[in-house]
Amino acid sequence: MELQLAWQGQLSDFVTGLVFAPSSCELAASSAAGEVVWIAQQSEIVVLQEANGQSIERIAFSADGDWLAAGGQAGRLSLWNCQDANIPPQLVAPVEIDRWIEQLDWHPTKPYLAVSYGSQVQIWDVPKSTEIVTWKFAKSSVFDLAWHPGGEYLAVAGYKGVEIWSPKDRTKTYSLNVDTASINLAWASDGRYLAAGNLDRTLTIVDWDHPEDIWTLQGCPGKIRQLTWLVGTTTPILAVASGTTIVLWNLTCDATMWEGQLLEGHQDIVTVAIAHPQLPILASAGADGYTCIWSAKGEIEQILTQSVSKFTSLSWHPDRLYLATGSHTGEIGWWEIPA
């Protein structure tokens, strides 16, 4: 069975973010014009925030689906309460940051939201509307954030590498040093490995169970745009969107080295790649107007196309075989296996 386009909608500018609600059939989306919308059960679009000319950079649901957060150019952290399933999300008092919000990441089990702007990182207890802690990344602006799947640590990427902090004791517990800057982060789903994509096209992977074990990998053909770990595989597999291709990095059976595999399928820059949260499959999309569905072996299972020339966003549903696609012309597609 293959994914088929079940619903299509339109925003006023290119899609900057898509995210499915964790335990329901709702989808939230944002655009470069500043709008935030809600789509329930493939029905009409409900506008949660009107376009204001200031781009939304990040949009995300809390792990329990009770909260939706969005932030971007306006310097305002917008929060919606999603606890009543019978009505659209309800806007609560926003948090005025007054700085361009570049990154958001929810804690994996608690309603804590990590927010970055410039070199600052804040963690908010959203239901209590209280700030838990503020950190400063010493060397540069923050380029990415990633909570450890267990929630004990927050990894922060920037110039000269990655710092890993513990909100519990508010200290920096570990530094991963690189020669240039780390711009992307991804924890394996079991928390065993942390991968950092670097500005010089190298990858750094650390074994969190043995932090002294660090690999530096070369062989990515272009700028590293996204990292994602596949699930349900016999050995760890990291997928990297780099240039016009995907690189699959497989840890060898003796756990001593990583072997790279270039996947051929895209004809232009790959803008996004995401692994399904429950299945060993990968979706990638790019400027060629194609979304490719890959197996863990690197084989193309399906190619999705719409009447667009460039994809900008993808989102898998956390536990269903739904895929949302967003384009530079504002089109949103909802794909699923037909009943």
Protein backbone atom coordinates (compact mmCIF):
# COMPACT_ATOMS: atom_id res chain seq x y z
CA MET A 1 0.00 0.00 0.00
CA GLU A 2 1.22 3.49 -0.82
CA LEU A 3 0.59 6.93 0.62
CA GLN A 4 -2.01 8.94 -1.26
CA LEU A 5 -2.89 12.63 -1.07
CA ALA A 6 -6.03 12.82 1.11
CA TRP A 7 -6.28 16.57 1.72
CA GLN A 8 -4.70 19.78 0.47
CA GLY A 9 -4.69 23.32 1.85
CA GLN A 10 -3.06 26.68 1.19
CA LEU A 11 -1.15 29.24 3.27
CA SER A 12 -0.22 32.73 2.11
CA ASP A 13 3.56 32.15 2.05
CA PHE A 14 6.05 29.32 2.18
CA VAL A 15 5.50 26.76 4.90
CA THR A 16 8.07 27.07 7.69
CA GLY A 17 6.74 24.34 9.97
CA LEU A 18 4.35 21.40 10.20
CA VAL A 19 3.58 19.28 13.26
CA PHE A 20 0.97 16.62 14.02
CA ALA A 21 -0.66 16.51 17.44
CA PRO A 22 0.79 13.53 19.37
CA SER A 23 -2.41 11.58 20.08
CA SER A 24 -5.04 12.86 17.66
CA CYS A 25 -5.64 13.67 14.00
CA GLU A 26 -4.86 17.39 14.14
CA LEU A 27 -2.14 19.20 12.25
CA ALA A 28 -0.63 22.64 12.95
CA ALA A 29 1.30 24.66 10.38
CA SER A 30 3.13 27.98 10.14
CA SER A 31 4.37 30.25 7.39
CA ALA A 32 6.96 32.88 6.56
CA ALA A 33 4.14 35.44 6.64
CA GLY A 34 3.63 34.77 10.35
CA GLU A 35 0.39 32.81 10.24
CA VAL A 36 -0.28 29.77 12.43
CA VAL A 37 -3.14 27.45 11.45
CA TRP A 38 -4.92 24.36 12.73
CA ILE A 39 -6.34 21.55 10.61
CA ALA A 40 -8.55 18.96 12.33
CA GLN A 41 -9.51 15.69 10.64
CA GLN A 42 -8.61 17.02 7.18
CA SER A 43 -11.26 19.74 7.50
CA GLU A 44 -11.12 23.48 6.85
CA ILE A 45 -8.14 25.50 8.00
CA VAL A 46 -8.67 27.36 11.30
CA VAL A 47 -6.44 30.42 11.65
CA LEU A 48 -4.88 30.63 15.11
CA GLN A 49 -2.66 33.61 14.27
CA GLU A 50 -3.09 35.95 11.32
CA ALA A 51 -0.23 36.74 8.96
CA ASN A 52 1.72 39.77 10.18
CA GLY A 53 4.72 39.82 7.86
CA GLN A 54 7.07 38.35 10.49
CA SER A 55 8.12 34.75 9.91
CA ILE A 56 7.39 31.92 12.30
CA GLU A 57 10.62 29.93 12.62
CA ARG A 58 9.54 27.07 14.90
CA ILE A 59 6.26 25.38 15.82
CA ALA A 60 5.91 22.38 18.14
CA PHE A 61 3.48 20.42 20.34
CA SER A 62 4.30 19.40 23.89
CA ALA A 63 4.79 15.66 24.39
CA ASP A 64 1.28 15.20 25.80
CA GLY A 65 -0.30 17.37 23.10
CA ASP A 66 -1.77 19.81 25.64
CA TRP A 67 0.23 22.80 24.38
CA LEU A 68 1.23 24.26 21.03
CA ALA A 69 4.13 26.73 20.85
CA ALA A 70 5.31 28.98 18.03
CA GLY A 71 8.04 31.59 17.80
CA GLY A 72 10.03 33.54 15.27
CA GLN A 73 10.91 36.94 13.92
CA ALA A 74 8.43 38.90 16.06
CA GLY A 75 10.21 37.92 19.29
CA ARG A 76 6.99 36.63 20.81
CA LEU A 77 6.54 33.12 22.19
CA SER A 78 2.92 32.27 21.32
CA LEU A 79 1.26 29.48 23.30
CA TRP A 80 -2.06 27.73 22.76
CA ASN A 81 -3.91 25.48 25.21
CA CYS A 82 -5.05 22.33 23.34
CA GLN A 83 -6.56 20.39 26.25
CA ASP A 84 -10.20 20.65 25.09
CA ALA A 85 -10.53 18.29 22.12
CA ASN A 86 -13.91 19.78 21.16
CA ILE A 87 -12.57 23.24 20.27
CA PRO A 88 -9.52 24.61 18.44
CA PRO A 89 -6.47 25.55 20.54
CA GLN A 90 -6.98 28.61 22.74
CA LEU A 91 -4.34 31.35 22.81
CA VAL A 92 -2.94 32.16 26.25
CA ALA A 93 -0.90 35.20 27.24
CA PRO A 94 2.23 35.25 25.04
CA VAL A 95 5.75 35.56 26.42
CA GLU A 96 7.44 38.69 25.05
CA ILE A 97 11.07 37.80 24.36
CA ASP A 98 11.74 40.87 22.17
CA ARG A 99 14.43 38.94 20.30
CA TRP A 100 14.19 36.76 17.21
CA ILE A 101 13.24 33.28 18.51
CA GLU A 102 15.33 30.80 16.56
CA GLN A 103 14.81 27.45 18.29
CA LEU A 104 12.10 25.68 20.31
CA ASP A 105 12.20 22.18 21.79
CA TRP A 106 9.77 20.58 24.24
CA HIS A 107 10.89 18.32 27.07
CA PRO A 108 10.07 14.68 26.14
CA THR A 109 7.81 14.05 29.17
CA LYS A 110 7.12 17.35 30.97
CA PRO A 111 5.51 20.64 29.83
CA TYR A 112 8.89 22.37 29.80
CA LEU A 113 9.87 24.34 26.72
CA ALA A 114 13.46 25.22 25.78
CA VAL A 115 13.70 28.49 23.81
CA SER A 116 16.77 30.11 22.26
CA TYR A 117 17.40 33.63 21.00
CA GLY A 118 20.89 34.85 20.21
CA SER A 119 23.24 33.20 22.72
CA GLN A 120 20.53 32.81 25.38
CA VAL A 121 18.66 29.61 26.23
CA GLN A 122 15.64 29.66 28.53
CA ILE A 123 13.53 26.80 29.87
CA TRP A 124 9.91 27.61 30.72
CA ASP A 125 7.39 25.71 32.80
CA VAL A 126 4.51 26.49 30.45
CA PRO A 127 1.43 25.66 32.63
CA LYS A 128 2.89 27.76 35.47
CA SER A 129 4.15 30.52 33.12
CA THR A 130 7.43 30.55 34.99
CA GLU A 131 11.02 30.59 33.84
CA ILE A 132 13.00 27.65 35.25
CA VAL A 133 16.51 28.61 34.16
CA THR A 134 18.43 30.83 31.72
CA TRP A 135 21.79 29.86 30.27
CA LYS A 136 24.20 31.64 27.98
CA PHE A 137 26.10 29.81 25.25
CA ALA A 138 29.53 31.29 25.74
CA LYS A 139 30.96 31.22 22.23
CA SER A 140 28.19 32.30 19.80
CA SER A 141 24.52 32.29 18.96
CA VAL A 142 22.69 29.01 19.47
CA PHE A 143 22.20 27.07 16.24
CA ASP A 144 20.19 24.10 17.54
CA LEU A 145 18.63 22.56 20.65
CA ALA A 146 17.85 18.92 21.46
CA TRP A 147 16.53 17.31 24.64
CA HIS A 148 17.90 13.91 25.58
CA PRO A 149 15.01 11.39 25.17
CA GLY A 150 15.09 10.75 28.91
CA GLY A 151 14.77 14.46 29.64
CA GLU A 152 17.82 14.66 31.91
CA TYR A 153 19.93 16.78 29.56
CA LEU A 154 19.63 19.52 26.98
CA ALA A 155 22.20 19.68 24.15
CA VAL A 156 22.97 23.12 22.69
CA ALA A 157 24.92 23.60 19.45
CA GLY A 158 26.95 26.61 18.31
CA TYR A 159 30.43 27.83 17.48
CA LYS A 160 33.16 25.33 18.41
CA GLY A 161 30.76 22.53 19.23
CA VAL A 162 28.08 21.36 21.64
CA GLU A 163 27.41 22.00 25.30
CA ILE A 164 25.19 19.62 27.26
CA TRP A 165 23.43 20.97 30.32
CA SER A 166 21.46 19.45 33.16
CA PRO A 167 18.38 21.53 34.10
CA LYS A 168 18.16 19.59 37.36
CA ASP A 169 21.34 21.06 38.77
CA ARG A 170 21.64 23.93 36.26
CA THR A 171 25.19 23.06 35.32
CA LYS A 172 27.05 22.30 32.14
CA THR A 173 27.98 18.65 32.36
CA TYR A 174 29.77 17.98 29.08
CA SER A 175 31.37 19.74 26.10
CA LEU A 176 31.79 18.28 22.63
CA ASN A 177 34.44 20.32 20.85
CA VAL A 178 34.75 20.77 17.07
CA ASP A 179 36.99 22.93 14.90
CA THR A 180 34.21 25.03 13.33
CA ALA A 181 30.57 25.21 14.44
CA SER A 182 27.90 22.60 15.09
CA ILE A 183 24.65 23.55 13.36
CA ASN A 184 22.40 20.46 13.76
CA LEU A 185 21.73 18.03 16.60
CA ALA A 186 19.92 14.71 16.94
CA TRP A 187 19.74 12.17 19.75
CA ALA A 188 19.09 8.53 18.93
CA SER A 189 15.64 7.49 20.18
CA ASP A 190 17.15 5.44 23.02
CA GLY A 191 19.47 8.30 24.02
CA ARG A 192 22.60 6.23 23.39
CA TYR A 193 24.13 8.41 20.64
CA LEU A 194 24.22 12.14 19.99
CA ALA A 195 25.05 13.36 16.48
CA ALA A 196 26.15 16.88 15.57
CA GLY A 197 26.31 18.17 12.00
CA ASN A 198 29.09 20.68 11.55
CA LEU A 199 29.64 23.68 9.31
CA ASP A 200 32.63 22.05 7.60
CA ARG A 201 30.42 19.12 6.41
CA THR A 202 31.74 16.74 9.06
CA LEU A 203 29.68 14.78 11.56
CA THR A 204 30.57 14.25 15.20
CA ILE A 205 28.94 11.34 17.03
CA VAL A 206 29.38 10.65 20.74
CA ASP A 207 28.39 7.50 22.61
CA TRP A 208 26.57 8.98 25.60
CA ASP A 209 27.04 5.76 27.58
CA HIS A 210 30.79 6.19 27.07
CA PRO A 211 31.35 9.93 26.38
CA GLU A 212 35.02 9.38 25.72
CA ASP A 213 34.06 7.45 22.56
CA ILE A 214 33.75 10.08 19.81
CA TRP A 215 33.74 9.65 16.03
CA THR A 216 34.38 12.38 13.44
CA LEU A 217 32.92 11.39 10.06
CA GLN A 218 33.69 12.87 6.66
CA GLY A 219 31.97 12.20 3.36
CA CYS A 220 28.88 14.43 3.36
CA PRO A 221 28.81 16.06 -0.11
CA GLY A 222 27.20 19.38 0.85
CA LYS A 223 25.89 21.50 3.68
CA ILE A 224 24.33 19.37 6.40
CA ARG A 225 20.71 20.50 6.65
CA GLN A 226 19.15 17.88 8.89
CA LEU A 227 19.95 14.81 10.98
CA THR A 228 17.48 12.06 11.90
CA TRP A 229 17.91 8.61 13.50
CA LEU A 230 15.95 5.66 12.15
CA VAL A 231 14.11 3.42 14.61
CA GLY A 232 13.49 -0.33 14.59
CA THR A 233 16.83 -1.23 13.01
CA THR A 234 19.26 -3.90 14.21
CA THR A 235 22.13 -1.40 14.41
CA PRO A 236 22.02 2.41 14.79
CA ILE A 237 21.42 4.27 11.51
CA LEU A 238 21.75 8.04 11.15
CA ALA A 239 20.28 9.74 8.06
CA VAL A 240 21.83 13.03 6.97
CA ALA A 241 20.37 15.49 4.44
CA SER A 242 23.45 16.86 2.70
CA GLY A 243 23.55 18.70 -0.61
CA THR A 244 21.46 16.85 -3.20
CA THR A 245 21.51 13.53 -1.39
CA ILE A 246 20.82 11.57 1.77
CA VAL A 247 23.71 9.82 3.50
CA LEU A 248 22.92 6.82 5.68
CA TRP A 249 25.55 6.19 8.35
CA ASN A 250 25.46 2.66 9.80
CA LEU A 251 27.35 1.63 12.93
CA THR A 252 29.27 -1.59 12.24
CA CYS A 253 28.40 -4.73 14.19
CA ASP A 254 31.55 -4.42 16.31
CA ALA A 255 30.55 -0.78 17.15
CA THR A 256 33.96 0.54 16.13
CA MET A 257 33.17 2.61 13.02
CA TRP A 258 30.40 4.15 10.90
CA GLU A 259 29.93 3.28 7.23
CA GLY A 260 28.33 5.79 4.86
CA GLN A 261 25.88 5.05 2.04
CA LEU A 262 24.85 7.71 -0.50
CA LEU A 263 21.20 7.46 -1.57
CA GLU A 264 20.39 8.42 -5.14
CA GLY A 265 16.94 9.83 -5.85
CA HIS A 266 16.89 13.61 -5.55
CA GLN A 267 17.95 15.95 -8.35
CA ASP A 268 18.30 19.15 -6.30
CA ILE A 269 19.01 20.32 -2.74
CA VAL A 270 17.43 18.11 -0.08
CA THR A 271 15.81 20.57 2.31
CA VAL A 272 14.41 18.19 4.93
CA ALA A 273 14.65 14.54 6.00
CA ILE A 274 12.75 12.91 8.88
CA ALA A 275 12.50 9.35 10.14
CA HIS A 276 9.12 7.94 11.14
CA PRO A 277 8.89 7.83 14.98
CA GLN A 278 7.73 4.19 15.05
CA LEU A 279 8.72 2.57 11.74
CA PRO A 280 12.11 2.06 10.02
CA ILE A 281 11.31 4.37 7.13
CA LEU A 282 12.52 7.82 6.13
CA ALA A 283 10.95 10.72 4.22
CA SER A 284 13.06 13.32 2.42
CA ALA A 285 12.02 16.32 0.36
CA GLY A 286 13.77 18.93 -1.67
CA ALA A 287 13.94 21.67 -4.23
CA ASP A 288 13.28 19.19 -7.03
CA GLY A 289 9.60 18.96 -6.02
CA TYR A 290 9.84 15.33 -4.87
CA THR A 291 9.28 13.68 -1.52
CA CYS A 292 10.99 10.29 -1.36
CA ILE A 293 10.04 7.50 1.05
CA TRP A 294 13.04 5.29 1.83
CA SER A 295 13.51 1.95 3.57
CA ALA A 296 16.23 1.48 6.18
CA LYS A 297 18.27 -0.23 3.44
CA GLY A 298 18.28 2.96 1.39
CA GLU A 299 15.76 1.78 -1.21
CA ILE A 300 13.08 4.12 -2.55
CA GLU A 301 9.64 2.82 -1.57
CA GLN A 302 7.62 5.67 -3.09
CA ILE A 303 8.00 9.14 -4.63
CA LEU A 304 5.34 11.76 -3.85
CA THR A 305 4.78 14.78 -6.07
CA GLN A 306 2.52 17.82 -5.93
CA SER A 307 2.07 20.79 -8.24
CA VAL A 308 5.00 22.54 -6.58
CA SER A 309 8.67 23.03 -7.39
CA LYS A 310 10.13 23.01 -3.89
CA PHE A 311 9.27 21.33 -0.60
CA THR A 312 10.18 23.13 2.63
CA SER A 313 8.65 21.04 5.46
CA LEU A 314 7.67 17.48 6.37
CA SER A 315 6.01 15.92 9.42
CA TRP A 316 5.16 12.32 10.28
CA HIS A 317 2.32 11.59 12.67
CA PRO A 318 3.84 10.15 15.89
CA ASP A 319 2.08 6.78 15.65
CA ARG A 320 0.08 6.68 12.40
CA LEU A 321 1.13 6.44 8.79
CA TYR A 322 0.26 10.07 8.02
CA LEU A 323 2.72 12.42 6.34
CA ALA A 324 2.29 16.17 5.97
CA THR A 325 4.18 18.12 3.30
CA GLY A 326 4.66 21.88 2.93
CA SER A 327 5.94 23.88 -0.02
CA HIS A 328 7.57 27.21 -0.79
CA THR A 329 4.30 28.37 -2.39
CA GLY A 330 2.32 27.66 0.80
CA GLU A 331 0.69 24.38 -0.22
CA ILE A 332 0.06 21.80 2.52
CA GLY A 333 -0.50 18.16 1.67
CA TRP A 334 -1.86 15.46 3.99
CA TRP A 335 -0.88 11.98 2.81
CA GLU A 336 -2.07 8.65 4.20
CA ILE A 337 -2.68 5.00 3.40
CA PRO A 338 -6.29 4.82 2.11
CA ALA A 339 -8.74 2.76 4.15
